[in-house]
Amino acid sequence: MALLKLATVMTVVLFLTAGCGFTGGDGDRVLGGDGSTARNLVQRDLDQLARSKVRVSTTSDDRYQSRFVEIFGGTTGQDVRAYIDQRIQHFFGEADLRGAYVTPNPVNTGYSQNLFHQETVQAVRGASNIGMGIWFQGLIDRNVITLHVPSTGQSLRVESPRAGIMEVGPGYRYSTVSNDGLEFVIPTEYRQAILVHEARHSDCTGGTTEAALEIARNATDIRQFAETYPRLSCGHMHVFCPSWHKFAGLAACDKNPWGAYAIEHVYAGAVASADGDYITYKMMQYVRNDTASRLLYVNEGPSGSFDISRLLDLEFGRPNMTTSGVVAE
């Protein structure tokens, strides 16, 4: 199972306790244990997207609407669903993956061992795009790797960055319980933002090269990998947040434009509507602000301020939603 640890580089780390004071809750509602419950909730959220009409709020900034269309190809829930379906096809709860294994065994795993150790009691993982991690491990090992999941009877040969295998984490919840004991039902849009984020990790934008993969093979630990690997946009891998950041020391920031946090940010900014449901509006505002704070290329350092207009005004170019594999130098 050591291979699956690699996927944490491309994990969305959700900090539900940051400013919310949430704890765990009822096992039937707070997911991460029962695999079928997790899969059912994901499917319900996807089905709701497919039934949705206009997803872009008419009260949101026009720039969010424009970037939303560029990313998802339209303004409806069906457009967002198509974006997700193209990139993620298999969903597993944590319980599903107990006993899972890969063949052949990974060869170069030296830098993957410390990945899970980066999580703290502050972090609640929403999901992991383990398909991208397994595909990337295959490139490093010069193998095509197959994931075997005995609990569901599936064997998935991972030949593409869009193999689309997602592990649903404990942060992907129907509800949670506040410190004062009250159950809080989490808006569907909040979970859909997790799916949007994880789907972006299935894009190997710009491809990778043999020279870049050799750097990955020679990395002795995950920090060295994150700091030296030059093709982070292949998989839109996160980097460690700097010492001045509120998530310092965690692989929970992006340094390349239009990565997973940026796509999630645009989704949140576009669907947050001041004239809609107040709880949903406030939660999506939280997602919008939280994801913006993780974009190091618009962040102004220890002051904690950021200028998201630089991204929305296309200073870093338009979002490239294509994928590739190993390309020529």
C-alpha atoms as a PDB file:
ATOM      1  CA  MET A   1       0.000   0.000   0.000  1.00  0.00           C
ATOM      2  CA  ALA A   2       3.045   2.291   0.065  1.00  0.00           C
ATOM      3  CA  LEU A   3       2.240   3.338  -3.483  1.00  0.00           C
ATOM      4  CA  LEU A   4      -1.045   4.903  -2.488  1.00  0.00           C
ATOM      5  CA  LYS A   5       0.841   7.307  -0.234  1.00  0.00           C
ATOM      6  CA  LEU A   6       2.205   9.022  -3.343  1.00  0.00           C
ATOM      7  CA  ALA A   7      -1.268  10.286  -4.140  1.00  0.00           C
ATOM      8  CA  THR A   8      -1.149  12.613  -1.156  1.00  0.00           C
ATOM      9  CA  VAL A   9       0.929  15.042  -3.247  1.00  0.00           C
ATOM     10  CA  MET A  10      -2.232  15.529  -5.245  1.00  0.00           C
ATOM     11  CA  THR A  11      -4.628  15.454  -2.319  1.00  0.00           C
ATOM     12  CA  VAL A  12      -7.016  18.250  -1.562  1.00  0.00           C
ATOM     13  CA  VAL A  13      -6.485  18.940   2.162  1.00  0.00           C
ATOM     14  CA  LEU A  14      -9.608  20.479   3.621  1.00  0.00           C
ATOM     15  CA  PHE A  15      -9.267  22.315   6.912  1.00  0.00           C
ATOM     16  CA  LEU A  16     -12.843  22.145   8.200  1.00  0.00           C
ATOM     17  CA  THR A  17     -11.732  23.169  11.666  1.00  0.00           C
ATOM     18  CA  ALA A  18     -10.242  26.449  10.435  1.00  0.00           C
ATOM     19  CA  GLY A  19     -12.663  29.055  11.722  1.00  0.00           C
ATOM     20  CA  CYS A  20     -15.543  26.578  11.874  1.00  0.00           C
ATOM     21  CA  GLY A  21     -14.973  24.612  15.060  1.00  0.00           C
ATOM     22  CA  PHE A  22     -16.250  21.373  13.525  1.00  0.00           C
ATOM     23  CA  THR A  23     -15.696  17.939  15.030  1.00  0.00           C
ATOM     24  CA  GLY A  24     -16.719  14.486  13.898  1.00  0.00           C
ATOM     25  CA  GLY A  25     -20.320  13.312  13.937  1.00  0.00           C
ATOM     26  CA  ASP A  26     -22.653  10.419  13.271  1.00  0.00           C
ATOM     27  CA  GLY A  27     -20.968   7.638  11.312  1.00  0.00           C
ATOM     28  CA  ASP A  28     -23.870   7.406   8.884  1.00  0.00           C
ATOM     29  CA  ARG A  29     -23.501  11.046   8.033  1.00  0.00           C
ATOM     30  CA  VAL A  30     -19.839  11.910   8.490  1.00  0.00           C
ATOM     31  CA  LEU A  31     -18.167   9.789   5.856  1.00  0.00           C
ATOM     32  CA  GLY A  32     -14.842   8.080   5.450  1.00  0.00           C
ATOM     33  CA  GLY A  33     -15.676   4.784   7.113  1.00  0.00           C
ATOM     34  CA  ASP A  34     -18.276   2.885   5.125  1.00  0.00           C
ATOM     35  CA  GLY A  35     -17.324   2.640   1.457  1.00  0.00           C
ATOM     36  CA  SER A  36     -20.838   2.269   0.046  1.00  0.00           C
ATOM     37  CA  THR A  37     -22.090   5.256   2.028  1.00  0.00           C
ATOM     38  CA  ALA A  38     -19.272   7.384   0.621  1.00  0.00           C
ATOM     39  CA  ARG A  39     -19.941   6.246  -2.933  1.00  0.00           C
ATOM     40  CA  ASN A  40     -23.675   6.851  -2.568  1.00  0.00           C
ATOM     41  CA  LEU A  41     -23.146  10.417  -1.381  1.00  0.00           C
ATOM     42  CA  VAL A  42     -20.776  11.152  -4.274  1.00  0.00           C
ATOM     43  CA  GLN A  43     -23.288   9.731  -6.735  1.00  0.00           C
ATOM     44  CA  ARG A  44     -26.083  11.821  -5.240  1.00  0.00           C
ATOM     45  CA  ASP A  45     -23.983  14.966  -5.556  1.00  0.00           C
ATOM     46  CA  LEU A  46     -23.158  14.130  -9.177  1.00  0.00           C
ATOM     47  CA  ASP A  47     -26.799  13.404  -9.972  1.00  0.00           C
ATOM     48  CA  GLN A  48     -27.804  16.749  -8.518  1.00  0.00           C
ATOM     49  CA  LEU A  49     -25.304  18.449 -10.803  1.00  0.00           C
ATOM     50  CA  ALA A  50     -26.815  16.682 -13.794  1.00  0.00           C
ATOM     51  CA  ARG A  51     -30.280  17.960 -12.823  1.00  0.00           C
ATOM     52  CA  SER A  52     -29.144  21.510 -12.167  1.00  0.00           C
ATOM     53  CA  LYS A  53     -30.007  24.370 -14.410  1.00  0.00           C
ATOM     54  CA  VAL A  54     -27.817  27.478 -14.352  1.00  0.00           C
ATOM     55  CA  ARG A  55     -24.885  27.033 -11.976  1.00  0.00           C
ATOM     56  CA  VAL A  56     -23.336  30.466 -12.373  1.00  0.00           C
ATOM     57  CA  SER A  57     -24.770  33.042 -10.013  1.00  0.00           C
ATOM     58  CA  THR A  58     -26.028  36.192 -11.703  1.00  0.00           C
ATOM     59  CA  THR A  59     -24.806  38.148  -8.672  1.00  0.00           C
ATOM     60  CA  SER A  60     -21.202  36.957  -8.883  1.00  0.00           C
ATOM     61  CA  ASP A  61     -18.323  38.934 -10.392  1.00  0.00           C
ATOM     62  CA  ASP A  62     -18.502  38.834 -14.209  1.00  0.00           C
ATOM     63  CA  ARG A  63     -14.922  37.585 -14.295  1.00  0.00           C
ATOM     64  CA  TYR A  64     -15.917  34.468 -12.352  1.00  0.00           C
ATOM     65  CA  GLN A  65     -18.633  33.811 -14.885  1.00  0.00           C
ATOM     66  CA  SER A  66     -16.194  34.195 -17.792  1.00  0.00           C
ATOM     67  CA  ARG A  67     -13.548  31.935 -16.244  1.00  0.00           C
ATOM     68  CA  PHE A  68     -16.277  29.422 -15.292  1.00  0.00           C
ATOM     69  CA  VAL A  69     -17.288  29.076 -18.947  1.00  0.00           C
ATOM     70  CA  GLU A  70     -13.659  28.719 -20.048  1.00  0.00           C
ATOM     71  CA  ILE A  71     -13.065  25.944 -17.523  1.00  0.00           C
ATOM     72  CA  PHE A  72     -16.316  23.981 -17.717  1.00  0.00           C
ATOM     73  CA  GLY A  73     -17.431  24.782 -21.253  1.00  0.00           C
ATOM     74  CA  GLY A  74     -20.767  26.276 -20.224  1.00  0.00           C
ATOM     75  CA  THR A  75     -22.859  27.538 -17.329  1.00  0.00           C
ATOM     76  CA  THR A  76     -24.967  24.529 -16.367  1.00  0.00           C
ATOM     77  CA  GLY A  77     -24.636  21.684 -13.936  1.00  0.00           C
ATOM     78  CA  GLN A  78     -24.454  19.343 -16.900  1.00  0.00           C
ATOM     79  CA  ASP A  79     -21.309  21.163 -18.049  1.00  0.00           C
ATOM     80  CA  VAL A  80     -19.684  20.726 -14.638  1.00  0.00           C
ATOM     81  CA  ARG A  81     -20.766  17.084 -14.535  1.00  0.00           C
ATOM     82  CA  ALA A  82     -19.208  16.489 -17.959  1.00  0.00           C
ATOM     83  CA  TYR A  83     -15.960  18.072 -16.747  1.00  0.00           C
ATOM     84  CA  ILE A  84     -15.903  15.719 -13.738  1.00  0.00           C
ATOM     85  CA  ASP A  85     -16.973  12.619 -15.687  1.00  0.00           C
ATOM     86  CA  GLN A  86     -14.169  13.159 -18.177  1.00  0.00           C
ATOM     87  CA  ARG A  87     -11.613  13.096 -15.359  1.00  0.00           C
ATOM     88  CA  ILE A  88     -12.987  10.854 -12.591  1.00  0.00           C
ATOM     89  CA  GLN A  89     -14.876   7.604 -13.149  1.00  0.00           C
ATOM     90  CA  HIS A  90     -14.165   5.481 -10.062  1.00  0.00           C
ATOM     91  CA  PHE A  91     -14.937   6.435  -6.466  1.00  0.00           C
ATOM     92  CA  PHE A  92     -13.831   4.473  -3.401  1.00  0.00           C
ATOM     93  CA  GLY A  93     -14.387   5.051   0.289  1.00  0.00           C
ATOM     94  CA  GLU A  94     -11.508   4.509   2.685  1.00  0.00           C
ATOM     95  CA  ALA A  95     -13.011   1.163   3.707  1.00  0.00           C
ATOM     96  CA  ASP A  96     -13.064   0.026   0.072  1.00  0.00           C
ATOM     97  CA  LEU A  97      -9.299   0.424  -0.189  1.00  0.00           C
ATOM     98  CA  ARG A  98      -8.425  -1.623   2.862  1.00  0.00           C
ATOM     99  CA  GLY A  99      -6.632  -4.615   1.422  1.00  0.00           C
ATOM    100  CA  ALA A 100      -6.137  -2.932  -1.963  1.00  0.00           C
ATOM    101  CA  TYR A 101      -2.811  -3.528  -3.663  1.00  0.00           C
ATOM    102  CA  VAL A 102      -0.992  -2.755  -6.885  1.00  0.00           C
ATOM    103  CA  THR A 103       0.911  -4.819  -9.417  1.00  0.00           C
ATOM    104  CA  PRO A 104       3.718  -4.723 -10.211  1.00  0.00           C
ATOM    105  CA  ASN A 105       5.132  -3.531  -6.896  1.00  0.00           C
ATOM    106  CA  PRO A 106       6.445   0.047  -7.010  1.00  0.00           C
ATOM    107  CA  VAL A 107      10.179   0.429  -7.532  1.00  0.00           C
ATOM    108  CA  ASN A 108      11.033   4.045  -6.733  1.00  0.00           C
ATOM    109  CA  THR A 109       9.205   4.873  -3.512  1.00  0.00           C
ATOM    110  CA  GLY A 110      11.859   6.604  -1.448  1.00  0.00           C
ATOM    111  CA  TYR A 111      10.223  10.028  -1.617  1.00  0.00           C
ATOM    112  CA  SER A 112       6.694   8.795  -0.960  1.00  0.00           C
ATOM    113  CA  GLN A 113       7.117   7.572   2.592  1.00  0.00           C
ATOM    114  CA  ASN A 114       6.614  10.869   4.430  1.00  0.00           C
ATOM    115  CA  LEU A 115       3.549  12.074   2.561  1.00  0.00           C
ATOM    116  CA  PHE A 116       0.870  11.077   5.011  1.00  0.00           C
ATOM    117  CA  HIS A 117       2.978  12.352   7.863  1.00  0.00           C
ATOM    118  CA  GLN A 118       2.302  15.895   6.695  1.00  0.00           C
ATOM    119  CA  GLU A 119      -1.281  15.717   7.914  1.00  0.00           C
ATOM    120  CA  THR A 120      -2.087  17.046  11.366  1.00  0.00           C
ATOM    121  CA  VAL A 121      -5.122  17.078  13.613  1.00  0.00           C
ATOM    122  CA  GLN A 122      -6.070  20.346  11.905  1.00  0.00           C
ATOM    123  CA  ALA A 123      -6.445  18.718   8.493  1.00  0.00           C
ATOM    124  CA  VAL A 124      -9.462  16.753   7.327  1.00  0.00           C
ATOM    125  CA  ARG A 125      -8.842  15.219   3.932  1.00  0.00           C
ATOM    126  CA  GLY A 126     -11.767  15.592   1.557  1.00  0.00           C
ATOM    127  CA  ALA A 127     -10.532  13.331  -1.226  1.00  0.00           C
ATOM    128  CA  SER A 128      -7.454  12.080  -3.080  1.00  0.00           C
ATOM    129  CA  ASN A 129      -6.989  11.559  -6.808  1.00  0.00           C
ATOM    130  CA  ILE A 130      -5.099   8.310  -6.385  1.00  0.00           C
ATOM    131  CA  GLY A 131      -5.430   7.477 -10.079  1.00  0.00           C
ATOM    132  CA  MET A 132      -3.126  10.328 -11.013  1.00  0.00           C
ATOM    133  CA  GLY A 133      -0.681   9.293  -8.301  1.00  0.00           C
ATOM    134  CA  ILE A 134      -0.597   5.682  -9.515  1.00  0.00           C
ATOM    135  CA  TRP A 135      -0.173   6.742 -13.146  1.00  0.00           C
ATOM    136  CA  PHE A 136       2.686   9.042 -12.161  1.00  0.00           C
ATOM    137  CA  GLN A 137       4.328   6.239 -10.157  1.00  0.00           C
ATOM    138  CA  GLY A 138       4.088   4.077 -13.266  1.00  0.00           C
ATOM    139  CA  LEU A 139       5.940   6.710 -15.282  1.00  0.00           C
ATOM    140  CA  ILE A 140       8.687   6.848 -12.678  1.00  0.00           C
ATOM    141  CA  ASP A 141       8.987   3.047 -12.620  1.00  0.00           C
ATOM    142  CA  ARG A 142       8.584   2.719 -16.407  1.00  0.00           C
ATOM    143  CA  ASN A 143       5.666   0.354 -15.802  1.00  0.00           C
ATOM    144  CA  VAL A 144       1.912   0.335 -16.263  1.00  0.00           C
ATOM    145  CA  ILE A 145       0.428  -0.288 -12.822  1.00  0.00           C
ATOM    146  CA  THR A 146      -2.854  -2.017 -11.983  1.00  0.00           C
ATOM    147  CA  LEU A 147      -4.823  -1.224  -8.832  1.00  0.00           C
ATOM    148  CA  HIS A 148      -6.632  -4.233  -7.351  1.00  0.00           C
ATOM    149  CA  VAL A 149      -9.561  -3.572  -4.998  1.00  0.00           C
ATOM    150  CA  PRO A 150     -10.730  -6.915  -3.545  1.00  0.00           C
ATOM    151  CA  SER A 151     -13.609  -5.326  -1.615  1.00  0.00           C
ATOM    152  CA  THR A 152     -15.335  -4.352  -4.868  1.00  0.00           C
ATOM    153  CA  GLY A 153     -13.812  -7.017  -7.126  1.00  0.00           C
ATOM    154  CA  GLN A 154     -12.212  -4.451  -9.434  1.00  0.00           C
ATOM    155  CA  SER A 155      -8.815  -4.401 -11.106  1.00  0.00           C
ATOM    156  CA  LEU A 156      -8.077  -1.066 -12.764  1.00  0.00           C
ATOM    157  CA  ARG A 157      -5.156  -0.768 -15.190  1.00  0.00           C
ATOM    158  CA  VAL A 158      -3.886   2.802 -14.925  1.00  0.00           C
ATOM    159  CA  GLU A 159      -2.644   3.828 -18.362  1.00  0.00           C
ATOM    160  CA  SER A 160      -3.652   7.493 -18.434  1.00  0.00           C
ATOM    161  CA  PRO A 161      -3.578  10.559 -16.159  1.00  0.00           C
ATOM    162  CA  ARG A 162      -7.343  10.515 -16.583  1.00  0.00           C
ATOM    163  CA  ALA A 163      -7.694   6.997 -15.201  1.00  0.00           C
ATOM    164  CA  GLY A 164     -10.048   8.761 -12.813  1.00  0.00           C
ATOM    165  CA  ILE A 165      -9.710   6.961  -9.483  1.00  0.00           C
ATOM    166  CA  MET A 166     -10.681   8.971  -6.405  1.00  0.00           C
ATOM    167  CA  GLU A 167     -10.553   8.029  -2.746  1.00  0.00           C
ATOM    168  CA  VAL A 168     -13.291   9.708  -0.724  1.00  0.00           C
ATOM    169  CA  GLY A 169     -11.842  10.969   2.545  1.00  0.00           C
ATOM    170  CA  PRO A 170     -13.411  11.728   5.912  1.00  0.00           C
ATOM    171  CA  GLY A 171     -13.875  15.381   4.945  1.00  0.00           C
ATOM    172  CA  TYR A 172     -16.413  14.463   2.260  1.00  0.00           C
ATOM    173  CA  ARG A 173     -19.425  14.684   4.567  1.00  0.00           C
ATOM    174  CA  TYR A 174     -23.152  15.050   4.516  1.00  0.00           C
ATOM    175  CA  SER A 175     -23.022  16.790   7.864  1.00  0.00           C
ATOM    176  CA  THR A 176     -20.810  17.493  10.832  1.00  0.00           C
ATOM    177  CA  VAL A 177     -21.324  18.412  14.453  1.00  0.00           C
ATOM    178  CA  SER A 178     -20.342  21.762  15.954  1.00  0.00           C
ATOM    179  CA  ASN A 179     -18.581  22.153  19.281  1.00  0.00           C
ATOM    180  CA  ASP A 180     -21.912  22.913  20.935  1.00  0.00           C
ATOM    181  CA  GLY A 181     -23.343  19.582  19.761  1.00  0.00           C
ATOM    182  CA  LEU A 182     -25.541  20.823  16.921  1.00  0.00           C
ATOM    183  CA  GLU A 183     -25.571  18.946  13.636  1.00  0.00           C
ATOM    184  CA  PHE A 184     -24.706  21.088  10.641  1.00  0.00           C
ATOM    185  CA  VAL A 185     -25.767  19.892   7.185  1.00  0.00           C
ATOM    186  CA  ILE A 186     -23.033  20.767   4.707  1.00  0.00           C
ATOM    187  CA  PRO A 187     -24.279  22.283   1.429  1.00  0.00           C
ATOM    188  CA  THR A 188     -24.016  20.050  -1.621  1.00  0.00           C
ATOM    189  CA  GLU A 189     -22.060  22.762  -3.451  1.00  0.00           C
ATOM    190  CA  TYR A 190     -19.291  22.470  -0.870  1.00  0.00           C
ATOM    191  CA  ARG A 191     -18.792  18.783  -1.684  1.00  0.00           C
ATOM    192  CA  GLN A 192     -19.118  19.409  -5.405  1.00  0.00           C
ATOM    193  CA  ALA A 193     -16.210  21.841  -5.075  1.00  0.00           C
ATOM    194  CA  ILE A 194     -14.124  18.907  -3.788  1.00  0.00           C
ATOM    195  CA  LEU A 195     -15.023  16.909  -6.898  1.00  0.00           C
ATOM    196  CA  VAL A 196     -14.144  19.849  -9.137  1.00  0.00           C
ATOM    197  CA  HIS A 197     -10.786  20.153  -7.377  1.00  0.00           C
ATOM    198  CA  GLU A 198      -9.929  16.458  -7.584  1.00  0.00           C
ATOM    199  CA  ALA A 199     -10.922  16.279 -11.233  1.00  0.00           C
ATOM    200  CA  ARG A 200      -8.318  18.919 -12.070  1.00  0.00           C
ATOM    201  CA  HIS A 201      -5.597  16.606 -10.763  1.00  0.00           C
ATOM    202  CA  SER A 202      -6.399  14.269 -13.681  1.00  0.00           C
ATOM    203  CA  ASP A 203      -4.997  16.825 -16.131  1.00  0.00           C
ATOM    204  CA  CYS A 204      -1.314  16.431 -17.020  1.00  0.00           C
ATOM    205  CA  THR A 205      -1.282  19.916 -18.507  1.00  0.00           C
ATOM    206  CA  GLY A 206       1.726  20.442 -20.750  1.00  0.00           C
ATOM    207  CA  GLY A 207       2.889  16.896 -20.143  1.00  0.00           C
ATOM    208  CA  THR A 208       6.063  15.760 -18.431  1.00  0.00           C
ATOM    209  CA  THR A 209       9.460  14.802 -19.822  1.00  0.00           C
ATOM    210  CA  GLU A 210      11.999  12.042 -19.246  1.00  0.00           C
ATOM    211  CA  ALA A 211      14.386  14.611 -17.800  1.00  0.00           C
ATOM    212  CA  ALA A 212      11.748  15.748 -15.304  1.00  0.00           C
ATOM    213  CA  LEU A 213      10.933  12.155 -14.390  1.00  0.00           C
ATOM    214  CA  GLU A 214      14.605  11.503 -13.739  1.00  0.00           C
ATOM    215  CA  ILE A 215      14.539  14.315 -11.183  1.00  0.00           C
ATOM    216  CA  ALA A 216      11.586  12.578  -9.528  1.00  0.00           C
ATOM    217  CA  ARG A 217      13.435   9.253  -9.530  1.00  0.00           C
ATOM    218  CA  ASN A 218      16.428  10.826  -7.816  1.00  0.00           C
ATOM    219  CA  ALA A 219      14.437  12.651  -5.124  1.00  0.00           C
ATOM    220  CA  THR A 220      15.227  11.303  -1.667  1.00  0.00           C
ATOM    221  CA  ASP A 221      12.212  12.762   0.109  1.00  0.00           C
ATOM    222  CA  ILE A 222       8.957  14.482  -0.684  1.00  0.00           C
ATOM    223  CA  ARG A 223      10.241  17.988   0.049  1.00  0.00           C
ATOM    224  CA  GLN A 224      13.085  17.596  -2.399  1.00  0.00           C
ATOM    225  CA  PHE A 225      10.642  16.299  -4.969  1.00  0.00           C
ATOM    226  CA  ALA A 226       8.217  19.194  -4.494  1.00  0.00           C
ATOM    227  CA  GLU A 227      11.010  21.773  -4.657  1.00  0.00           C
ATOM    228  CA  THR A 228      12.893  20.367  -7.664  1.00  0.00           C
ATOM    229  CA  TYR A 229      10.371  18.631  -9.912  1.00  0.00           C
ATOM    230  CA  PRO A 230       9.824  21.097 -12.794  1.00  0.00           C
ATOM    231  CA  ARG A 231       6.520  19.788 -14.185  1.00  0.00           C
ATOM    232  CA  LEU A 232       4.105  20.249 -11.306  1.00  0.00           C
ATOM    233  CA  SER A 233       1.359  21.219 -13.763  1.00  0.00           C
ATOM    234  CA  CYS A 234       1.292  17.553 -14.825  1.00  0.00           C
ATOM    235  CA  GLY A 235      -1.225  16.471 -12.218  1.00  0.00           C
ATOM    236  CA  HIS A 236      -1.345  19.999 -10.788  1.00  0.00           C
ATOM    237  CA  MET A 237       0.533  18.848  -7.727  1.00  0.00           C
ATOM    238  CA  HIS A 238       0.465  20.895  -4.563  1.00  0.00           C
ATOM    239  CA  VAL A 239       3.557  22.260  -2.859  1.00  0.00           C
ATOM    240  CA  PHE A 240       4.433  22.839   0.777  1.00  0.00           C
ATOM    241  CA  CYS A 241       3.088  26.101   2.110  1.00  0.00           C
ATOM    242  CA  PRO A 242       5.860  28.511   3.223  1.00  0.00           C
ATOM    243  CA  SER A 243       6.708  29.328   6.826  1.00  0.00           C
ATOM    244  CA  TRP A 244       4.555  32.483   6.898  1.00  0.00           C
ATOM    245  CA  HIS A 245       1.440  30.687   5.628  1.00  0.00           C
ATOM    246  CA  LYS A 246      -1.356  29.557   7.949  1.00  0.00           C
ATOM    247  CA  PHE A 247      -0.836  26.011   6.633  1.00  0.00           C
ATOM    248  CA  ALA A 248       2.954  26.141   6.851  1.00  0.00           C
ATOM    249  CA  GLY A 249       4.587  22.754   6.416  1.00  0.00           C
ATOM    250  CA  LEU A 250       1.594  21.117   4.725  1.00  0.00           C
ATOM    251  CA  ALA A 251       1.384  20.230   1.032  1.00  0.00           C
ATOM    252  CA  ALA A 252      -1.664  22.456   0.703  1.00  0.00           C
ATOM    253  CA  CYS A 253      -0.602  25.330  -1.599  1.00  0.00           C
ATOM    254  CA  ASP A 254      -0.167  25.823  -5.352  1.00  0.00           C
ATOM    255  CA  LYS A 255       2.623  27.683  -7.096  1.00  0.00           C
ATOM    256  CA  ASN A 256       1.522  27.033 -10.695  1.00  0.00           C
ATOM    257  CA  PRO A 257      -1.417  29.033 -12.123  1.00  0.00           C
ATOM    258  CA  TRP A 258      -4.735  27.356 -12.852  1.00  0.00           C
ATOM    259  CA  GLY A 259      -4.146  24.343 -10.666  1.00  0.00           C
ATOM    260  CA  ALA A 260      -6.716  22.501  -8.570  1.00  0.00           C
ATOM    261  CA  TYR A 261      -7.168  25.260  -5.979  1.00  0.00           C
ATOM    262  CA  ALA A 262      -7.662  27.887  -8.697  1.00  0.00           C
ATOM    263  CA  ILE A 263     -10.304  25.806 -10.465  1.00  0.00           C
ATOM    264  CA  GLU A 264     -12.070  25.199  -7.154  1.00  0.00           C
ATOM    265  CA  HIS A 265     -11.827  28.926  -6.415  1.00  0.00           C
ATOM    266  CA  VAL A 266     -13.544  29.874  -9.669  1.00  0.00           C
ATOM    267  CA  TYR A 267     -16.293  27.322  -9.048  1.00  0.00           C
ATOM    268  CA  ALA A 268     -16.910  28.672  -5.551  1.00  0.00           C
ATOM    269  CA  GLY A 269     -16.796  32.287  -6.685  1.00  0.00           C
ATOM    270  CA  ALA A 270     -19.229  31.661  -9.515  1.00  0.00           C
ATOM    271  CA  VAL A 271     -21.871  29.712  -7.623  1.00  0.00           C
ATOM    272  CA  ALA A 272     -21.857  31.762  -4.410  1.00  0.00           C
ATOM    273  CA  SER A 273     -25.012  33.863  -4.583  1.00  0.00           C
ATOM    274  CA  ALA A 274     -25.902  36.526  -2.058  1.00  0.00           C
ATOM    275  CA  ASP A 275     -29.586  36.193  -2.961  1.00  0.00           C
ATOM    276  CA  GLY A 276     -29.613  32.402  -2.518  1.00  0.00           C
ATOM    277  CA  ASP A 277     -29.441  30.159   0.539  1.00  0.00           C
ATOM    278  CA  TYR A 278     -27.482  32.007   3.241  1.00  0.00           C
ATOM    279  CA  ILE A 279     -25.616  28.956   4.581  1.00  0.00           C
ATOM    280  CA  THR A 280     -24.548  27.904   1.099  1.00  0.00           C
ATOM    281  CA  TYR A 281     -23.485  31.439   0.306  1.00  0.00           C
ATOM    282  CA  LYS A 282     -21.334  31.707   3.435  1.00  0.00           C
ATOM    283  CA  MET A 283     -19.778  28.273   2.946  1.00  0.00           C
ATOM    284  CA  MET A 284     -18.865  29.003  -0.652  1.00  0.00           C
ATOM    285  CA  GLN A 285     -17.464  32.366   0.393  1.00  0.00           C
ATOM    286  CA  TYR A 286     -15.291  30.450   2.830  1.00  0.00           C
ATOM    287  CA  VAL A 287     -14.134  28.101   0.043  1.00  0.00           C
ATOM    288  CA  ARG A 288     -13.466  31.036  -2.255  1.00  0.00           C
ATOM    289  CA  ASN A 289     -11.327  32.858   0.321  1.00  0.00           C
ATOM    290  CA  ASP A 290      -9.576  29.727   1.554  1.00  0.00           C
ATOM    291  CA  THR A 291      -8.584  28.552  -1.923  1.00  0.00           C
ATOM    292  CA  ALA A 292      -7.356  32.027  -2.896  1.00  0.00           C
ATOM    293  CA  SER A 293      -5.069  32.059   0.142  1.00  0.00           C
ATOM    294  CA  ARG A 294      -3.374  28.894  -1.133  1.00  0.00           C
ATOM    295  CA  LEU A 295      -2.397  30.396  -4.518  1.00  0.00           C
ATOM    296  CA  LEU A 296       1.174  31.465  -3.819  1.00  0.00           C
ATOM    297  CA  TYR A 297       1.472  33.299  -7.139  1.00  0.00           C
ATOM    298  CA  VAL A 298      -1.170  35.864  -6.091  1.00  0.00           C
ATOM    299  CA  ASN A 299      -0.282  35.895  -2.395  1.00  0.00           C
ATOM    300  CA  GLU A 300       1.630  38.856  -1.036  1.00  0.00           C
ATOM    301  CA  GLY A 301       3.441  37.002   1.722  1.00  0.00           C
ATOM    302  CA  PRO A 302       3.309  37.289   5.517  1.00  0.00           C
ATOM    303  CA  SER A 303       0.661  40.018   5.392  1.00  0.00           C
ATOM    304  CA  GLY A 304      -1.843  37.343   4.428  1.00  0.00           C
ATOM    305  CA  SER A 305      -3.303  39.474   1.643  1.00  0.00           C
ATOM    306  CA  PHE A 306      -3.732  38.300  -1.919  1.00  0.00           C
ATOM    307  CA  ASP A 307      -4.755  39.838  -5.226  1.00  0.00           C
ATOM    308  CA  ILE A 308      -7.027  37.329  -6.938  1.00  0.00           C
ATOM    309  CA  SER A 309      -7.746  39.818  -9.717  1.00  0.00           C
ATOM    310  CA  ARG A 310      -4.357  38.915 -11.179  1.00  0.00           C
ATOM    311  CA  LEU A 311      -5.699  35.416 -11.864  1.00  0.00           C
ATOM    312  CA  LEU A 312      -9.183  36.466 -12.948  1.00  0.00           C
ATOM    313  CA  ASP A 313      -7.784  39.175 -15.251  1.00  0.00           C
ATOM    314  CA  LEU A 314      -5.629  36.513 -16.975  1.00  0.00           C
ATOM    315  CA  GLU A 315      -2.233  37.905 -15.994  1.00  0.00           C
ATOM    316  CA  PHE A 316      -1.077  34.266 -15.989  1.00  0.00           C
ATOM    317  CA  GLY A 317      -2.919  33.340 -19.163  1.00  0.00           C
ATOM    318  CA  ARG A 318      -6.160  31.490 -19.743  1.00  0.00           C
ATOM    319  CA  PRO A 319      -6.850  28.146 -18.074  1.00  0.00           C
ATOM    320  CA  ASN A 320      -5.477  25.275 -20.163  1.00  0.00           C
ATOM    321  CA  MET A 321      -7.804  22.335 -19.608  1.00  0.00           C
ATOM    322  CA  THR A 322      -5.962  19.847 -21.806  1.00  0.00           C
ATOM    323  CA  THR A 323      -3.976  16.807 -20.759  1.00  0.00           C
ATOM    324  CA  SER A 324      -0.971  14.992 -22.114  1.00  0.00           C
ATOM    325  CA  GLY A 325       1.636  12.410 -21.124  1.00  0.00           C
ATOM    326  CA  VAL A 326       5.375  12.158 -21.660  1.00  0.00           C
ATOM    327  CA  VAL A 327       6.408  14.751 -24.230  1.00  0.00           C
ATOM    328  CA  ALA A 328       9.645  15.654 -25.997  1.00  0.00           C
ATOM    329  CA  GLU A 329      12.017  18.102 -24.315  1.00  0.00           C
END
